[in-house]
Amino acid sequence: MAHMDSHTHTEHSSAQTREAEFFSPPNHLKTKVGHGGLTEDILSKAQALLETNTVDFVPLAEMYLDALMKGIEQARTPSPDIDNETHRTRL
């Protein structure tokens, strides 16, 4: 085994340590939205809007549910002209 003098060994084992600096990026979403919960005024306005809503979302919901059900059915019973790899990438 090669002889190591004490000077070389000491140099190698006493590597200088540096302090790490941590940077916190700005949270743009939090800046836009603010801190804390919703005020009572905002909650009251939202509740009133919900109670007086005249928009019928049922047709839109049915359209999305129909598309979802078709997708589920296609996933369960793939077309014979689609190979397995294409079927997996469609899921």
Protein backbone atom coordinates (compact mmCIF):
# COMPACT_ATOMS: atom_id res chain seq x y z
CA MET A 1 0.00 0.00 0.00
CA ALA A 2 1.31 3.47 -0.85
CA HIS A 3 2.53 5.61 1.98
CA MET A 4 0.39 8.68 2.68
CA ASP A 5 1.93 11.39 4.75
CA SER A 6 -0.21 13.07 7.40
CA HIS A 7 -0.29 16.35 5.44
CA THR A 8 -2.03 14.75 2.42
CA HIS A 9 -4.50 12.90 4.60
CA THR A 10 -5.40 16.03 6.57
CA GLU A 11 -5.90 18.08 3.40
CA HIS A 12 -8.21 15.50 1.92
CA SER A 13 -10.41 14.96 4.96
CA SER A 14 -10.85 18.61 5.94
CA ALA A 15 -12.70 19.79 2.86
CA GLN A 16 -14.14 23.24 3.30
CA THR A 17 -17.87 23.38 3.75
CA ARG A 18 -19.88 26.16 2.21
CA GLU A 19 -23.16 27.53 3.43
CA ALA A 20 -26.02 26.81 1.04
CA GLU A 21 -28.28 29.65 0.01
CA PHE A 22 -31.93 28.92 -0.51
CA PHE A 23 -34.05 31.06 -2.79
CA SER A 24 -37.82 31.05 -2.51
CA PRO A 25 -39.38 31.95 -5.85
CA PRO A 26 -42.26 34.42 -5.73
CA ASN A 27 -45.67 32.81 -5.48
CA HIS A 28 -47.53 34.73 -8.17
CA LEU A 29 -50.81 32.90 -7.63
CA LYS A 30 -50.83 33.75 -3.92
CA THR A 31 -50.06 37.36 -4.81
CA LYS A 32 -53.05 37.50 -7.17
CA VAL A 33 -55.47 35.73 -4.84
CA GLY A 34 -54.33 37.13 -1.52
CA HIS A 35 -54.18 35.58 1.91
CA GLY A 36 -56.86 34.21 4.16
CA GLY A 37 -60.37 33.02 3.50
CA LEU A 38 -63.37 34.61 1.85
CA THR A 39 -65.18 37.51 3.44
CA GLU A 40 -68.76 37.16 4.59
CA ASP A 41 -69.81 39.63 1.87
CA ILE A 42 -68.29 37.51 -0.89
CA LEU A 43 -69.90 34.35 0.51
CA SER A 44 -73.30 36.05 0.69
CA LYS A 45 -73.03 37.23 -2.92
CA ALA A 46 -72.01 33.76 -4.08
CA GLN A 47 -74.90 32.15 -2.21
CA ALA A 48 -77.37 34.64 -3.71
CA LEU A 49 -76.01 33.94 -7.19
CA LEU A 50 -76.45 30.21 -6.69
CA GLU A 51 -80.01 30.65 -5.46
CA THR A 52 -81.03 32.94 -8.35
CA ASN A 53 -79.20 31.10 -11.11
CA THR A 54 -81.34 30.57 -14.21
CA VAL A 55 -78.75 28.80 -16.37
CA ASP A 56 -79.63 25.19 -17.10
CA PHE A 57 -76.39 23.21 -16.96
CA VAL A 58 -78.10 19.85 -17.50
CA PRO A 59 -77.63 19.76 -21.32
CA LEU A 60 -73.93 20.58 -20.98
CA ALA A 61 -73.47 18.01 -18.22
CA GLU A 62 -75.28 15.38 -20.29
CA MET A 63 -73.02 16.10 -23.26
CA TYR A 64 -69.90 15.57 -21.12
CA LEU A 65 -71.32 12.45 -19.49
CA ASP A 66 -72.24 10.97 -22.89
CA ALA A 67 -68.71 11.57 -24.16
CA LEU A 68 -67.29 10.03 -20.99
CA MET A 69 -69.50 6.96 -21.28
CA LYS A 70 -68.53 6.49 -24.95
CA GLY A 71 -64.87 6.70 -23.97
CA ILE A 72 -65.33 4.13 -21.22
CA GLU A 73 -67.17 1.80 -23.61
CA GLN A 74 -64.41 2.15 -26.23
CA ALA A 75 -61.79 1.37 -23.59
CA ARG A 76 -63.66 -1.75 -22.51
CA THR A 77 -64.31 -3.08 -26.02
CA PRO A 78 -61.68 -1.77 -28.44
CA SER A 79 -62.37 -1.90 -32.13
CA PRO A 80 -60.79 -4.94 -33.86
CA ASP A 81 -59.08 -2.67 -36.41
CA ILE A 82 -57.10 -0.85 -33.66
CA ASP A 83 -53.91 -2.54 -32.51
CA ASN A 84 -53.06 -2.84 -28.81
CA GLU A 85 -50.47 -0.05 -28.86
CA THR A 86 -52.92 2.44 -30.37
CA HIS A 87 -55.55 1.35 -27.86
CA ARG A 88 -53.17 1.96 -24.93
CA THR A 89 -52.19 5.41 -26.15
CA ARG A 90 -55.85 6.40 -26.50
CA LEU A 91 -56.47 5.57 -22.84
